[in-house]
């Protein structure tokens, strides 16, 4: 049991040391974030745009038949 705890503590110390050594995000990480955000925006605008177009077409049909 003590060997397990010792290895767990060693593992935890190694992870925290690595985390302290990193100064910030790299350009690659920023590029991945920008790409992901762009995909979410494109998907959202496409889905919302189609619904909005259908709404206005239905509204135009109701107003036109008045």
N, C-alpha and C. Protein backbone atom coordinates (compact mmCIF):
# COMPACT_ATOMS: atom_id res chain seq x y z
N UNK A 1 0.82 -1.19 0.00
CA UNK A 1 0.00 0.00 0.00
C UNK A 1 0.87 1.26 0.00
N UNK A 2 1.95 1.22 0.78
CA UNK A 2 2.83 2.39 0.84
C UNK A 2 3.49 2.66 -0.50
N UNK A 3 3.81 1.60 -1.23
CA UNK A 3 4.44 1.77 -2.54
C UNK A 3 3.45 2.44 -3.51
N UNK A 4 2.17 2.06 -3.39
CA UNK A 4 1.15 2.68 -4.23
C UNK A 4 1.01 4.16 -3.92
N UNK A 5 0.95 4.51 -2.65
CA UNK A 5 0.83 5.91 -2.26
C UNK A 5 2.06 6.71 -2.69
N UNK A 6 3.23 6.10 -2.56
CA UNK A 6 4.45 6.79 -2.96
C UNK A 6 4.47 7.04 -4.46
N UNK A 7 4.02 6.05 -5.23
CA UNK A 7 3.99 6.25 -6.68
C UNK A 7 2.92 7.26 -7.06
N UNK A 8 1.81 7.29 -6.34
CA UNK A 8 0.76 8.27 -6.60
C UNK A 8 1.25 9.69 -6.31
N UNK A 9 1.95 9.85 -5.20
CA UNK A 9 2.52 11.16 -4.86
C UNK A 9 3.55 11.59 -5.89
N UNK A 10 4.39 10.66 -6.33
CA UNK A 10 5.38 10.95 -7.35
C UNK A 10 4.71 11.37 -8.66
N UNK A 11 3.65 10.66 -9.02
CA UNK A 11 2.90 10.99 -10.23
C UNK A 11 2.28 12.39 -10.12
N UNK A 12 1.69 12.68 -8.98
CA UNK A 12 1.06 13.99 -8.77
C UNK A 12 2.11 15.11 -8.83
N UNK A 13 3.25 14.90 -8.22
CA UNK A 13 4.31 15.90 -8.25
C UNK A 13 4.83 16.12 -9.66
N UNK A 14 4.92 15.05 -10.44
CA UNK A 14 5.36 15.18 -11.82
C UNK A 14 4.37 16.01 -12.64
N UNK A 15 3.09 15.76 -12.45
CA UNK A 15 2.07 16.52 -13.18
C UNK A 15 2.10 18.00 -12.79
N UNK A 16 2.19 18.28 -11.49
CA UNK A 16 2.20 19.68 -11.07
C UNK A 16 3.47 20.39 -11.54
N UNK A 17 4.60 19.68 -11.58
CA UNK A 17 5.83 20.29 -12.09
C UNK A 17 5.70 20.63 -13.57
N UNK A 18 5.07 19.75 -14.33
CA UNK A 18 4.87 20.02 -15.76
C UNK A 18 3.92 21.20 -15.96
N UNK A 19 2.89 21.27 -15.14
CA UNK A 19 1.93 22.36 -15.26
C UNK A 19 2.58 23.71 -14.94
N UNK A 20 3.47 23.71 -13.97
CA UNK A 20 4.16 24.95 -13.61
C UNK A 20 5.11 25.41 -14.70
N UNK A 21 5.63 24.46 -15.48
CA UNK A 21 6.60 24.78 -16.51
C UNK A 21 5.98 25.41 -17.75
N UNK A 22 4.68 25.21 -17.94
CA UNK A 22 4.03 25.78 -19.12
C UNK A 22 3.67 27.23 -18.85
N UNK A 23 4.05 28.10 -19.77
CA UNK A 23 3.83 29.52 -19.56
C UNK A 23 2.51 30.00 -20.16
N UNK A 24 1.99 29.31 -21.13
CA UNK A 24 0.74 29.74 -21.74
C UNK A 24 0.43 28.91 -22.96
N UNK A 25 -0.65 29.30 -23.61
CA UNK A 25 -1.09 28.57 -24.79
C UNK A 25 -0.17 28.88 -25.97
N UNK A 26 0.03 27.90 -26.81
CA UNK A 26 0.83 28.10 -28.00
C UNK A 26 -0.07 28.51 -29.15
N UNK A 27 0.56 28.90 -30.25
CA UNK A 27 -0.21 29.31 -31.42
C UNK A 27 -1.06 28.17 -31.95
N UNK A 28 -0.58 26.95 -31.82
CA UNK A 28 -1.35 25.79 -32.28
C UNK A 28 -2.63 25.64 -31.47
N UNK A 29 -2.54 25.81 -30.17
CA UNK A 29 -3.73 25.71 -29.34
C UNK A 29 -4.72 26.81 -29.67
N UNK A 30 -4.22 28.02 -29.89
CA UNK A 30 -5.11 29.12 -30.27
C UNK A 30 -5.76 28.85 -31.63
N UNK A 31 -5.01 28.30 -32.55
CA UNK A 31 -5.56 27.97 -33.87
C UNK A 31 -6.67 26.93 -33.75
N UNK A 32 -6.47 25.93 -32.92
CA UNK A 32 -7.51 24.92 -32.70
C UNK A 32 -8.76 25.53 -32.08
N UNK A 33 -8.58 26.41 -31.12
CA UNK A 33 -9.72 27.08 -30.51
C UNK A 33 -10.48 27.94 -31.51
N UNK A 34 -9.75 28.69 -32.32
CA UNK A 34 -10.38 29.55 -33.33
C UNK A 34 -11.14 28.69 -34.34
N UNK A 35 -10.54 27.58 -34.76
CA UNK A 35 -11.22 26.69 -35.70
C UNK A 35 -12.49 26.10 -35.12
N UNK A 36 -12.43 25.68 -33.86
CA UNK A 36 -13.61 25.11 -33.21
C UNK A 36 -14.71 26.16 -33.06
N UNK A 37 -14.34 27.36 -32.65
CA UNK A 37 -15.32 28.43 -32.51
C UNK A 37 -15.94 28.76 -33.87
N UNK A 38 -15.14 28.78 -34.92
CA UNK A 38 -15.66 29.06 -36.26
C UNK A 38 -16.66 27.99 -36.69
N UNK A 39 -16.37 26.73 -36.40
CA UNK A 39 -17.30 25.66 -36.75
C UNK A 39 -18.62 25.80 -36.01
N UNK A 40 -18.56 26.15 -34.74
CA UNK A 40 -19.78 26.33 -33.95
C UNK A 40 -20.59 27.49 -34.50
N UNK A 41 -19.93 28.58 -34.86
CA UNK A 41 -20.63 29.74 -35.41
C UNK A 41 -21.27 29.39 -36.75
N UNK A 42 -20.54 28.72 -37.60
CA UNK A 42 -21.08 28.34 -38.92
C UNK A 42 -22.29 27.43 -38.76
N UNK A 43 -22.19 26.44 -37.87
CA UNK A 43 -23.30 25.53 -37.64
C UNK A 43 -24.51 26.29 -37.09
N UNK A 44 -24.27 27.16 -36.13
CA UNK A 44 -25.37 27.92 -35.51
C UNK A 44 -26.05 28.85 -36.50
N UNK A 45 -25.26 29.56 -37.28
CA UNK A 45 -25.84 30.49 -38.25
C UNK A 45 -26.61 29.74 -39.33
N UNK A 46 -26.09 28.61 -39.76
CA UNK A 46 -26.80 27.81 -40.76
C UNK A 46 -28.13 27.31 -40.23
N UNK A 47 -28.13 26.75 -39.04
CA UNK A 47 -29.37 26.23 -38.45
C UNK A 47 -30.36 27.35 -38.18
N UNK A 48 -29.89 28.44 -37.60
CA UNK A 48 -30.78 29.56 -37.29
C UNK A 48 -31.24 30.25 -38.56
N UNK A 49 -30.37 30.35 -39.55
CA UNK A 49 -30.71 31.02 -40.81
C UNK A 49 -31.81 30.28 -41.55
N UNK A 50 -31.73 28.96 -41.58
CA UNK A 50 -32.77 28.17 -42.25
C UNK A 50 -34.11 28.34 -41.53
N UNK A 51 -34.11 28.31 -40.21
CA UNK A 51 -35.34 28.50 -39.45
C UNK A 51 -35.90 29.90 -39.64
N UNK A 52 -35.03 30.87 -39.68
CA UNK A 52 -35.47 32.25 -39.88
C UNK A 52 -36.04 32.45 -41.28
N UNK A 53 -35.44 31.84 -42.27
CA UNK A 53 -35.95 31.93 -43.63
C UNK A 53 -37.33 31.29 -43.72
N UNK A 54 -37.50 30.13 -43.12
CA UNK A 54 -38.81 29.47 -43.11
C UNK A 54 -39.86 30.31 -42.40
N UNK A 55 -39.47 30.94 -41.31
CA UNK A 55 -40.40 31.80 -40.58
C UNK A 55 -40.88 32.96 -41.44
N UNK A 56 -39.96 33.64 -42.10
CA UNK A 56 -40.34 34.80 -42.92
C UNK A 56 -41.12 34.39 -44.16
N UNK A 57 -40.80 33.22 -44.72
CA UNK A 57 -41.58 32.75 -45.87
C UNK A 57 -43.01 32.45 -45.44
N UNK A 58 -43.19 31.84 -44.29
CA UNK A 58 -44.53 31.58 -43.77
C UNK A 58 -45.26 32.86 -43.45
N UNK A 59 -44.55 33.81 -42.89
CA UNK A 59 -45.15 35.11 -42.57
C UNK A 59 -45.55 35.84 -43.84
N UNK A 60 -44.70 35.79 -44.85
CA UNK A 60 -45.02 36.45 -46.13
C UNK A 60 -46.24 35.80 -46.77
N UNK A 61 -46.36 34.49 -46.65
CA UNK A 61 -47.52 33.80 -47.24
C UNK A 61 -48.80 34.21 -46.51
N UNK A 62 -48.73 34.38 -45.20
CA UNK A 62 -49.92 34.79 -44.44
C UNK A 62 -50.29 36.24 -44.74
N UNK A 63 -49.31 37.11 -44.82
CA UNK A 63 -49.57 38.51 -45.09
C UNK A 63 -50.04 38.69 -46.54
N UNK A 64 -49.46 37.94 -47.45
CA UNK A 64 -49.82 38.04 -48.86
C UNK A 64 -51.24 37.57 -49.12
N UNK A 65 -51.72 36.63 -48.32
CA UNK A 65 -53.07 36.11 -48.49
C UNK A 65 -54.12 36.92 -47.76
N UNK A 66 -53.76 37.97 -47.16
CA UNK A 66 -54.65 38.81 -46.38
C UNK A 66 -55.64 39.48 -47.19
